[in-house]
């Protein structure tokens, strides 16, 4: 088709059609673990990507936001400073990034083997302090107390004698 017709289609696309333009290349490691032969995949929030072109080239970071309306991808760590000094995330084209790690979904599980997805770290549970830890805490408390006792006591401030209310002052006249 004519370039002007293609340009018109690009700018007047519906949202579900715009989503197709958010596919980005897969790394060689991910391509080798595919069940079906694919070169690119739709980028999602939480995926790990490598910036290939533009600001932040060479950085590997997570996708913080995907805008289907603008056809842009926002990556953590790729930001620009405004005139006031505020950091604003920069929008990248999906064609300028490469998928390195994936967030798991039903569709992706059907395409890839299970070992490919990024493993989420489980939050560690707070363990009860061990008896040794209690003893060490008690020792450190006793050391602090000994150090405070070893310090000389501060000298008392010299206080001015308080006037006795029963005795009249010399300058005052009695009534």
N, C-alpha and C. Protein backbone atom coordinates (compact mmCIF):
# COMPACT_ATOMS: atom_id res chain seq x y z
N UNK A 1 0.83 -1.19 0.00
CA UNK A 1 0.00 0.00 0.00
C UNK A 1 0.87 1.25 0.00
N UNK A 2 0.23 2.35 -0.25
CA UNK A 2 0.93 3.62 -0.26
C UNK A 2 1.37 3.98 1.16
N UNK A 3 2.48 4.67 1.28
CA UNK A 3 2.95 5.06 2.62
C UNK A 3 1.94 5.92 3.38
N UNK A 4 1.23 6.81 2.70
CA UNK A 4 0.27 7.64 3.40
C UNK A 4 -0.92 6.83 3.92
N UNK A 5 -1.28 5.77 3.22
CA UNK A 5 -2.36 4.90 3.67
C UNK A 5 -1.91 4.11 4.89
N UNK A 6 -0.68 3.63 4.87
CA UNK A 6 -0.13 2.89 6.02
C UNK A 6 -0.03 3.80 7.24
N UNK A 7 0.40 5.02 7.03
CA UNK A 7 0.52 5.98 8.12
C UNK A 7 -0.85 6.28 8.72
N UNK A 8 -1.84 6.41 7.87
CA UNK A 8 -3.21 6.67 8.34
C UNK A 8 -3.71 5.50 9.18
N UNK A 9 -3.42 4.27 8.74
CA UNK A 9 -3.82 3.07 9.49
C UNK A 9 -3.14 3.06 10.87
N UNK A 10 -1.85 3.40 10.88
CA UNK A 10 -1.06 3.37 12.11
C UNK A 10 -1.66 4.30 13.16
N UNK A 11 -2.00 5.51 12.77
CA UNK A 11 -2.51 6.49 13.73
C UNK A 11 -3.98 6.33 14.06
N UNK A 12 -4.74 5.63 13.25
CA UNK A 12 -6.17 5.47 13.53
C UNK A 12 -6.53 4.04 13.95
N UNK A 13 -5.53 3.24 14.36
CA UNK A 13 -5.78 1.86 14.79
C UNK A 13 -6.59 1.81 16.07
N UNK A 14 -7.35 0.75 16.21
CA UNK A 14 -8.08 0.52 17.44
C UNK A 14 -7.12 -0.11 18.45
N UNK A 15 -7.49 -0.07 19.74
CA UNK A 15 -6.59 -0.49 20.82
C UNK A 15 -6.15 -1.94 20.67
N UNK A 16 -7.05 -2.85 20.33
CA UNK A 16 -6.67 -4.25 20.22
C UNK A 16 -5.71 -4.48 19.05
N UNK A 17 -5.73 -3.60 18.06
CA UNK A 17 -4.78 -3.70 16.95
C UNK A 17 -3.43 -3.08 17.33
N UNK A 18 -3.48 -2.03 18.16
CA UNK A 18 -2.24 -1.38 18.61
C UNK A 18 -1.40 -2.32 19.46
N UNK A 19 -2.06 -3.22 20.17
CA UNK A 19 -1.36 -4.16 21.04
C UNK A 19 -0.40 -5.05 20.24
N UNK A 20 -0.74 -5.32 18.99
CA UNK A 20 0.13 -6.15 18.15
C UNK A 20 1.48 -5.49 17.87
N UNK A 21 1.54 -4.18 18.00
CA UNK A 21 2.79 -3.46 17.76
C UNK A 21 3.69 -3.41 19.00
N UNK A 22 3.29 -4.06 20.07
CA UNK A 22 4.08 -4.08 21.30
C UNK A 22 4.88 -5.37 21.46
N UNK A 23 5.08 -6.09 20.39
CA UNK A 23 5.90 -7.30 20.43
C UNK A 23 7.37 -6.90 20.38
N UNK A 24 8.20 -7.58 21.17
CA UNK A 24 9.63 -7.30 21.12
C UNK A 24 10.40 -8.62 20.97
N UNK A 25 11.63 -8.51 20.50
CA UNK A 25 12.44 -9.69 20.21
C UNK A 25 12.75 -10.48 21.47
N UNK A 26 12.90 -11.79 21.30
CA UNK A 26 13.30 -12.69 22.39
C UNK A 26 14.80 -12.88 22.33
N UNK A 27 15.42 -13.07 23.49
CA UNK A 27 16.85 -13.35 23.51
C UNK A 27 17.09 -14.76 22.99
N UNK A 28 18.32 -15.07 22.63
CA UNK A 28 18.65 -16.39 22.08
C UNK A 28 18.36 -17.50 23.08
N UNK A 29 18.58 -17.21 24.36
CA UNK A 29 18.32 -18.21 25.41
C UNK A 29 16.83 -18.56 25.46
N UNK A 30 15.98 -17.54 25.39
CA UNK A 30 14.53 -17.78 25.43
C UNK A 30 14.06 -18.48 24.16
N UNK A 31 14.63 -18.11 23.03
CA UNK A 31 14.23 -18.74 21.77
C UNK A 31 14.57 -20.22 21.75
N UNK A 32 15.68 -20.59 22.39
CA UNK A 32 16.09 -21.99 22.40
C UNK A 32 15.15 -22.85 23.26
N UNK A 33 14.47 -22.24 24.23
CA UNK A 33 13.59 -23.00 25.12
C UNK A 33 12.13 -22.94 24.70
N UNK A 34 11.86 -22.42 23.52
CA UNK A 34 10.49 -22.37 23.00
C UNK A 34 10.03 -23.73 22.51
N UNK A 35 8.75 -24.02 22.67
CA UNK A 35 8.19 -25.24 22.11
C UNK A 35 7.85 -25.01 20.64
N UNK A 36 7.35 -23.82 20.33
CA UNK A 36 7.05 -23.45 18.94
C UNK A 36 8.04 -22.37 18.50
N UNK A 37 8.30 -22.29 17.23
CA UNK A 37 9.28 -21.34 16.73
C UNK A 37 8.66 -19.93 16.70
N UNK A 38 9.20 -19.03 17.51
CA UNK A 38 8.76 -17.64 17.56
C UNK A 38 9.97 -16.75 17.68
N UNK A 39 9.85 -15.56 17.13
CA UNK A 39 10.96 -14.61 17.17
C UNK A 39 10.69 -13.47 18.15
N UNK A 40 9.41 -13.11 18.29
CA UNK A 40 9.05 -12.01 19.18
C UNK A 40 7.83 -12.39 20.01
N UNK A 41 7.62 -11.62 21.09
CA UNK A 41 6.54 -11.90 22.02
C UNK A 41 6.02 -10.59 22.58
N UNK A 42 4.75 -10.55 22.95
CA UNK A 42 4.15 -9.37 23.52
C UNK A 42 4.79 -9.08 24.89
N UNK A 43 5.25 -7.88 25.08
CA UNK A 43 5.91 -7.50 26.33
C UNK A 43 4.84 -7.20 27.38
N UNK A 44 5.13 -7.58 28.63
CA UNK A 44 4.19 -7.38 29.74
C UNK A 44 4.89 -6.70 30.90
N UNK A 45 4.09 -6.13 31.80
CA UNK A 45 4.64 -5.53 33.02
C UNK A 45 5.27 -6.63 33.86
N UNK A 46 6.47 -6.40 34.36
CA UNK A 46 7.16 -7.39 35.20
C UNK A 46 8.20 -8.19 34.44
N UNK A 47 8.17 -8.15 33.11
CA UNK A 47 9.19 -8.86 32.32
C UNK A 47 10.54 -8.19 32.50
N UNK A 48 11.58 -8.97 32.34
CA UNK A 48 12.93 -8.43 32.39
C UNK A 48 13.40 -8.22 30.96
N UNK A 49 13.85 -6.99 30.65
CA UNK A 49 14.25 -6.65 29.29
C UNK A 49 15.63 -6.01 29.27
N UNK A 50 16.24 -6.05 28.10
CA UNK A 50 17.52 -5.38 27.88
C UNK A 50 17.27 -4.29 26.85
N UNK A 51 17.72 -3.08 27.15
CA UNK A 51 17.54 -1.96 26.23
C UNK A 51 18.62 -2.05 25.16
N UNK A 52 18.20 -2.12 23.90
CA UNK A 52 19.14 -2.29 22.79
C UNK A 52 19.51 -0.95 22.13
N UNK A 53 18.57 -0.02 22.07
CA UNK A 53 18.80 1.28 21.44
C UNK A 53 18.18 2.38 22.28
N UNK A 54 18.71 3.58 22.12
CA UNK A 54 18.13 4.74 22.78
C UNK A 54 18.70 4.98 24.16
N UNK A 55 18.03 5.80 24.97
CA UNK A 55 18.54 6.11 26.30
C UNK A 55 18.56 4.86 27.18
N UNK A 56 19.62 4.66 27.90
CA UNK A 56 19.74 3.48 28.75
C UNK A 56 20.22 2.26 28.00
N UNK A 57 20.86 2.45 26.86
CA UNK A 57 21.32 1.32 26.04
C UNK A 57 22.24 0.41 26.86
N UNK A 58 21.96 -0.89 26.81
CA UNK A 58 22.76 -1.87 27.53
C UNK A 58 22.21 -2.23 28.90
N UNK A 59 21.29 -1.46 29.43
CA UNK A 59 20.72 -1.73 30.75
C UNK A 59 19.77 -2.92 30.69
N UNK A 60 19.77 -3.71 31.75
CA UNK A 60 18.81 -4.80 31.90
C UNK A 60 17.98 -4.49 33.13
N UNK A 61 16.67 -4.38 32.94
CA UNK A 61 15.78 -4.01 34.05
C UNK A 61 14.38 -4.54 33.80
N UNK A 62 13.51 -4.33 34.79
CA UNK A 62 12.12 -4.79 34.69
C UNK A 62 11.27 -3.74 33.98
N UNK A 63 10.21 -4.21 33.35
CA UNK A 63 9.24 -3.33 32.72
C UNK A 63 8.30 -2.82 33.81
N UNK A 64 8.20 -1.51 33.95
CA UNK A 64 7.33 -0.96 34.99
C UNK A 64 5.93 -0.65 34.48
N UNK A 65 5.82 -0.36 33.18
CA UNK A 65 4.51 -0.01 32.63
C UNK A 65 4.52 -0.24 31.12
N UNK A 66 3.36 -0.66 30.59
CA UNK A 66 3.20 -0.83 29.14
C UNK A 66 1.96 -0.03 28.74
N UNK A 67 2.11 0.90 27.83
CA UNK A 67 1.01 1.73 27.36
C UNK A 67 0.62 1.27 25.96
N UNK A 68 -0.55 0.62 25.85
CA UNK A 68 -1.00 0.14 24.54
C UNK A 68 -1.50 1.29 23.68
N UNK A 69 -2.04 2.32 24.29
CA UNK A 69 -2.55 3.46 23.53
C UNK A 69 -1.40 4.22 22.86
N UNK A 70 -0.33 4.44 23.61
CA UNK A 70 0.83 5.16 23.06
C UNK A 70 1.80 4.24 22.33
N UNK A 71 1.63 2.92 22.49
CA UNK A 71 2.54 1.89 21.95
C UNK A 71 3.95 2.07 22.51
N UNK A 72 4.06 2.30 23.82
CA UNK A 72 5.35 2.54 24.46
C UNK A 72 5.52 1.62 25.66
N UNK A 73 6.79 1.38 26.00
CA UNK A 73 7.16 0.55 27.14
C UNK A 73 8.02 1.38 28.07
N UNK A 74 7.74 1.33 29.37
CA UNK A 74 8.51 2.07 30.37
C UNK A 74 9.31 1.07 31.18
N UNK A 75 10.63 1.33 31.29
CA UNK A 75 11.54 0.42 31.97
C UNK A 75 12.11 1.11 33.20
N UNK A 76 12.22 0.37 34.31
CA UNK A 76 12.79 0.93 35.54
C UNK A 76 14.24 1.30 35.30
N UNK A 77 14.64 2.45 35.78
CA UNK A 77 16.03 2.87 35.64
C UNK A 77 16.31 3.68 34.39
N UNK A 78 15.39 3.74 33.46
CA UNK A 78 15.56 4.58 32.28
C UNK A 78 14.66 5.78 32.46
N UNK A 79 15.26 6.91 32.88
CA UNK A 79 14.48 8.10 33.19
C UNK A 79 15.23 9.34 32.73
N UNK A 80 14.49 10.42 32.59
CA UNK A 80 15.05 11.72 32.24
C UNK A 80 14.73 12.70 33.36
N UNK A 81 15.61 13.67 33.56
CA UNK A 81 15.36 14.69 34.58
C UNK A 81 14.67 15.87 33.95
N UNK A 82 13.66 16.39 34.65
CA UNK A 82 12.97 17.58 34.17
C UNK A 82 13.76 18.81 34.58
N UNK A 83 13.29 19.98 34.19
CA UNK A 83 13.97 21.23 34.54
C UNK A 83 13.96 21.45 36.05
N UNK A 84 12.98 20.91 36.73
CA UNK A 84 12.89 21.06 38.19
C UNK A 84 13.67 19.98 38.93
N UNK A 85 14.26 19.04 38.22
CA UNK A 85 15.07 17.99 38.85
C UNK A 85 14.31 16.72 39.14
N UNK A 86 13.05 16.64 38.76
CA UNK A 86 12.25 15.44 39.01
C UNK A 86 12.58 14.40 37.94
N UNK A 87 12.69 13.13 38.35
CA UNK A 87 12.96 12.06 37.38
C UNK A 87 11.65 11.52 36.83
N UNK A 88 11.57 11.49 35.50
CA UNK A 88 10.38 11.02 34.79
C UNK A 88 10.76 9.82 33.94
N UNK A 89 10.01 8.70 34.03
CA UNK A 89 10.36 7.53 33.21
C UNK A 89 10.26 7.84 31.72
N UNK A 90 11.20 7.33 30.95
CA UNK A 90 11.21 7.56 29.51
C UNK A 90 10.49 6.43 28.79
N UNK A 91 9.74 6.80 27.76
CA UNK A 91 9.01 5.83 26.97
C UNK A 91 9.92 5.26 25.90
N UNK A 92 9.93 3.94 25.76
CA UNK A 92 10.75 3.26 24.75
C UNK A 92 9.84 2.52 23.78
N UNK A 93 10.30 2.41 22.56
CA UNK A 93 9.60 1.61 21.56
C UNK A 93 9.85 0.13 21.88
N UNK A 94 8.86 -0.70 21.62
CA UNK A 94 9.02 -2.14 21.88
C UNK A 94 10.08 -2.75 20.97
N UNK A 95 10.30 -2.15 19.82
CA UNK A 95 11.30 -2.68 18.89
C UNK A 95 12.72 -2.40 19.37
N UNK A 96 12.89 -1.51 20.33
CA UNK A 96 14.23 -1.15 20.82
C UNK A 96 14.64 -1.91 22.08
N UNK A 97 13.84 -2.87 22.49
CA UNK A 97 14.18 -3.67 23.67
C UNK A 97 14.13 -5.15 23.32
N UNK A 98 14.78 -5.97 24.16
CA UNK A 98 14.80 -7.42 23.94
C UNK A 98 14.41 -8.12 25.24
N UNK A 99 13.51 -9.09 25.15
CA UNK A 99 13.08 -9.85 26.33
C UNK A 99 14.19 -10.77 26.80
N UNK A 100 14.50 -10.69 28.09
CA UNK A 100 15.55 -11.53 28.69
C UNK A 100 14.94 -12.50 29.69
N UNK A 101 13.95 -12.04 30.47
CA UNK A 101 13.27 -12.87 31.45
C UNK A 101 11.77 -12.65 31.36
N UNK A 102 11.00 -13.69 31.66
CA UNK A 102 9.55 -13.60 31.47
C UNK A 102 8.77 -13.74 32.76
N UNK A 103 7.64 -13.07 32.80
CA UNK A 103 6.65 -13.24 33.86
C UNK A 103 5.71 -14.35 33.37
N UNK A 104 5.30 -15.24 34.25
CA UNK A 104 4.51 -16.39 33.79
C UNK A 104 3.03 -16.05 33.65
N UNK A 105 2.44 -16.54 32.56
CA UNK A 105 1.00 -16.46 32.31
C UNK A 105 0.56 -17.78 31.69
N UNK A 106 -0.73 -17.98 31.56
CA UNK A 106 -1.23 -19.23 30.98
C UNK A 106 -0.76 -19.40 29.54
N UNK A 107 -0.83 -18.31 28.77
CA UNK A 107 -0.43 -18.37 27.36
C UNK A 107 1.06 -18.69 27.22
N UNK A 108 1.86 -18.05 28.07
CA UNK A 108 3.31 -18.25 27.99
C UNK A 108 3.71 -19.64 28.48
N UNK A 109 2.98 -20.19 29.44
CA UNK A 109 3.28 -21.54 29.91
C UNK A 109 3.04 -22.56 28.81
N UNK A 110 2.08 -22.28 27.94
CA UNK A 110 1.81 -23.18 26.82
C UNK A 110 2.92 -23.11 25.78
N UNK A 111 3.56 -21.97 25.66
CA UNK A 111 4.60 -21.77 24.64
C UNK A 111 5.98 -22.22 25.12
N UNK A 112 6.29 -21.97 26.41
CA UNK A 112 7.63 -22.23 26.96
C UNK A 112 7.63 -23.41 27.91
N UNK A 113 8.83 -23.89 28.20
CA UNK A 113 8.98 -24.90 29.25
C UNK A 113 8.98 -24.18 30.60
N UNK A 114 8.71 -24.91 31.69
CA UNK A 114 8.53 -24.30 33.02
C UNK A 114 9.77 -23.64 33.59
N UNK A 115 10.96 -24.14 33.29
CA UNK A 115 12.18 -23.64 33.91
C UNK A 115 12.60 -22.25 33.42
N UNK A 116 11.92 -21.72 32.45
CA UNK A 116 12.31 -20.44 31.85
C UNK A 116 11.84 -19.23 32.64
N UNK A 117 10.76 -19.36 33.39
CA UNK A 117 10.18 -18.21 34.06
C UNK A 117 11.00 -17.78 35.25
N UNK A 118 10.95 -16.45 35.51
CA UNK A 118 11.68 -15.88 36.63
C UNK A 118 11.07 -16.40 37.92
N UNK A 119 11.91 -16.88 38.81
CA UNK A 119 11.42 -17.40 40.07
C UNK A 119 11.30 -16.27 41.06
N UNK A 120 10.10 -16.18 41.67
CA UNK A 120 9.87 -15.13 42.66
C UNK A 120 10.42 -15.60 44.00
N UNK A 121 11.12 -14.69 44.66
CA UNK A 121 11.68 -15.02 45.97
C UNK A 121 10.57 -14.96 47.00
N UNK A 122 10.50 -16.00 47.81
CA UNK A 122 9.50 -16.03 48.86
C UNK A 122 9.99 -15.17 50.02
N UNK A 123 9.10 -14.37 50.61
CA UNK A 123 9.52 -13.56 51.75
C UNK A 123 9.89 -14.46 52.93
N UNK A 124 11.00 -14.12 53.55
CA UNK A 124 11.47 -14.93 54.68
C UNK A 124 10.61 -14.64 55.91
N UNK A 125 10.27 -15.72 56.62
CA UNK A 125 9.47 -15.57 57.82
C UNK A 125 10.38 -15.13 58.96
N UNK A 126 9.84 -14.32 59.84
CA UNK A 126 10.61 -13.85 60.99
C UNK A 126 10.75 -15.00 61.98
N UNK A 127 11.98 -15.36 62.24
CA UNK A 127 12.24 -16.47 63.17
C UNK A 127 12.38 -15.93 64.58
N UNK A 128 12.02 -16.79 65.56
CA UNK A 128 12.19 -16.42 66.96
C UNK A 128 13.68 -16.35 67.27
N UNK A 129 14.11 -15.37 68.08
CA UNK A 129 15.54 -15.27 68.38
C UNK A 129 16.03 -16.51 69.13
N UNK A 130 17.21 -16.93 68.78
CA UNK A 130 17.80 -18.11 69.41
C UNK A 130 18.24 -17.77 70.83
N UNK A 131 18.39 -18.78 71.70
CA UNK A 131 18.82 -18.51 73.07
C UNK A 131 20.19 -17.83 73.12
N UNK A 132 21.08 -18.16 72.19
CA UNK A 132 22.39 -17.52 72.16
C UNK A 132 22.26 -16.02 71.90
N UNK A 133 21.31 -15.66 71.06
CA UNK A 133 21.10 -14.26 70.73
C UNK A 133 20.63 -13.49 71.97
N UNK A 134 19.81 -14.14 72.80
CA UNK A 134 19.34 -13.50 74.02
C UNK A 134 20.50 -13.26 74.97
N UNK A 135 21.40 -14.24 75.09
CA UNK A 135 22.56 -14.09 75.97
C UNK A 135 23.44 -12.96 75.49
N UNK A 136 23.67 -12.91 74.16
CA UNK A 136 24.51 -11.85 73.59
C UNK A 136 23.89 -10.48 73.83
N UNK A 137 22.57 -10.39 73.72
CA UNK A 137 21.88 -9.12 73.96
C UNK A 137 22.04 -8.71 75.43
N UNK A 138 21.94 -9.69 76.33
CA UNK A 138 22.09 -9.40 77.76
C UNK A 138 23.51 -8.95 78.06
N UNK A 139 24.51 -9.58 77.42
CA UNK A 139 25.91 -9.18 77.62
C UNK A 139 26.14 -7.76 77.15
N UNK A 140 25.60 -7.42 75.99
CA UNK A 140 25.82 -6.07 75.47
C UNK A 140 25.13 -5.03 76.37
N UNK A 141 23.95 -5.39 76.94
CA UNK A 141 23.28 -4.47 77.87
C UNK A 141 24.11 -4.26 79.13
N UNK A 142 24.70 -5.35 79.65
CA UNK A 142 25.51 -5.22 80.87
C UNK A 142 26.77 -4.41 80.59
N UNK A 143 27.34 -4.54 79.39
CA UNK A 143 28.51 -3.74 79.02
C UNK A 143 28.16 -2.25 78.98
N UNK A 144 26.98 -1.93 78.44
CA UNK A 144 26.54 -0.54 78.38
C UNK A 144 26.37 0.04 79.77
N UNK A 145 25.78 -0.77 80.69
CA UNK A 145 25.56 -0.31 82.06
C UNK A 145 26.90 -0.06 82.76
N UNK A 146 27.87 -0.95 82.57
CA UNK A 146 29.20 -0.79 83.18
C UNK A 146 29.87 0.46 82.65
N UNK A 147 29.73 0.72 81.36
CA UNK A 147 30.35 1.90 80.76
C UNK A 147 29.74 3.17 81.33
N UNK A 148 28.43 3.15 81.57
CA UNK A 148 27.77 4.32 82.15
C UNK A 148 28.21 4.54 83.59
N UNK A 149 28.41 3.44 84.37
CA UNK A 149 28.85 3.57 85.75
C UNK A 149 30.29 4.06 85.83
N UNK A 150 31.11 3.71 84.86
CA UNK A 150 32.51 4.10 84.86
C UNK A 150 32.67 5.59 84.58
N UNK A 151 31.71 6.21 83.91
CA UNK A 151 31.81 7.64 83.62
C UNK A 151 31.66 8.42 84.91
N UNK A 152 32.44 9.51 85.06
CA UNK A 152 32.28 10.33 86.27
C UNK A 152 30.94 11.05 86.24
N UNK A 153 30.37 11.21 87.41
CA UNK A 153 29.08 11.86 87.52
C UNK A 153 29.26 13.35 87.23
N UNK A 154 28.32 13.98 86.57
CA UNK A 154 28.47 15.40 86.28
C UNK A 154 28.43 16.22 87.57
N UNK A 155 29.23 17.27 87.58
CA UNK A 155 29.32 18.11 88.78
C UNK A 155 28.01 18.88 88.95
N UNK A 156 27.52 18.98 90.23
CA UNK A 156 26.26 19.70 90.44
C UNK A 156 26.47 21.19 90.17
N UNK A 157 25.46 21.83 89.63
CA UNK A 157 25.54 23.26 89.34
C UNK A 157 25.41 24.04 90.64
N UNK A 158 26.17 25.11 90.72
CA UNK A 158 26.11 25.96 91.91
C UNK A 158 24.80 26.73 91.86
N UNK A 159 24.03 26.58 92.93
CA UNK A 159 22.73 27.23 92.98
C UNK A 159 22.81 28.49 93.83
N UNK A 160 22.14 29.51 93.39
CA UNK A 160 22.09 30.75 94.17
C UNK A 160 21.15 30.54 95.35
N UNK A 161 21.46 31.09 96.50
CA UNK A 161 20.59 30.90 97.66
C UNK A 161 19.23 31.56 97.41
N UNK A 162 18.19 30.88 97.78
CA UNK A 162 16.84 31.38 97.59
C UNK A 162 16.51 32.36 98.73
N UNK A 163 15.86 33.43 98.38
CA UNK A 163 15.51 34.38 99.45
C UNK A 163 14.44 33.79 100.38
N UNK A 164 14.58 34.06 101.65
CA UNK A 164 13.63 33.57 102.64
C UNK A 164 12.46 34.55 102.70
N UNK A 165 11.30 34.08 102.58
CA UNK A 165 10.12 34.94 102.52
C UNK A 165 9.78 35.52 103.90
N UNK A 166 10.22 34.89 104.96
CA UNK A 166 9.90 35.37 106.29
C UNK A 166 10.67 36.65 106.60
N UNK A 167 11.89 36.77 106.13
CA UNK A 167 12.70 37.95 106.40
C UNK A 167 12.51 38.97 105.30
N UNK A 168 12.22 40.21 105.64
CA UNK A 168 12.09 41.23 104.61
C UNK A 168 13.45 41.61 104.07
N UNK A 169 13.49 42.04 102.83
CA UNK A 169 14.74 42.45 102.22
C UNK A 169 15.10 43.84 102.74
N UNK A 170 16.36 44.18 102.63
CA UNK A 170 16.85 45.43 103.15
C UNK A 170 16.23 46.62 102.40
N UNK A 171 16.10 46.52 101.12
CA UNK A 171 15.64 47.64 100.32
C UNK A 171 14.13 47.84 100.40
N UNK A 172 13.41 46.85 100.81
CA UNK A 172 11.96 46.95 100.85
C UNK A 172 11.51 47.59 102.16
N UNK A 173 10.52 48.41 102.06
CA UNK A 173 9.93 49.03 103.25
C UNK A 173 8.80 48.19 103.77
N UNK A 174 8.66 48.16 105.05
CA UNK A 174 7.55 47.41 105.64
C UNK A 174 6.31 48.27 105.69
N UNK A 175 5.22 47.71 105.56
CA UNK A 175 3.98 48.48 105.59
C UNK A 175 3.32 48.43 106.92
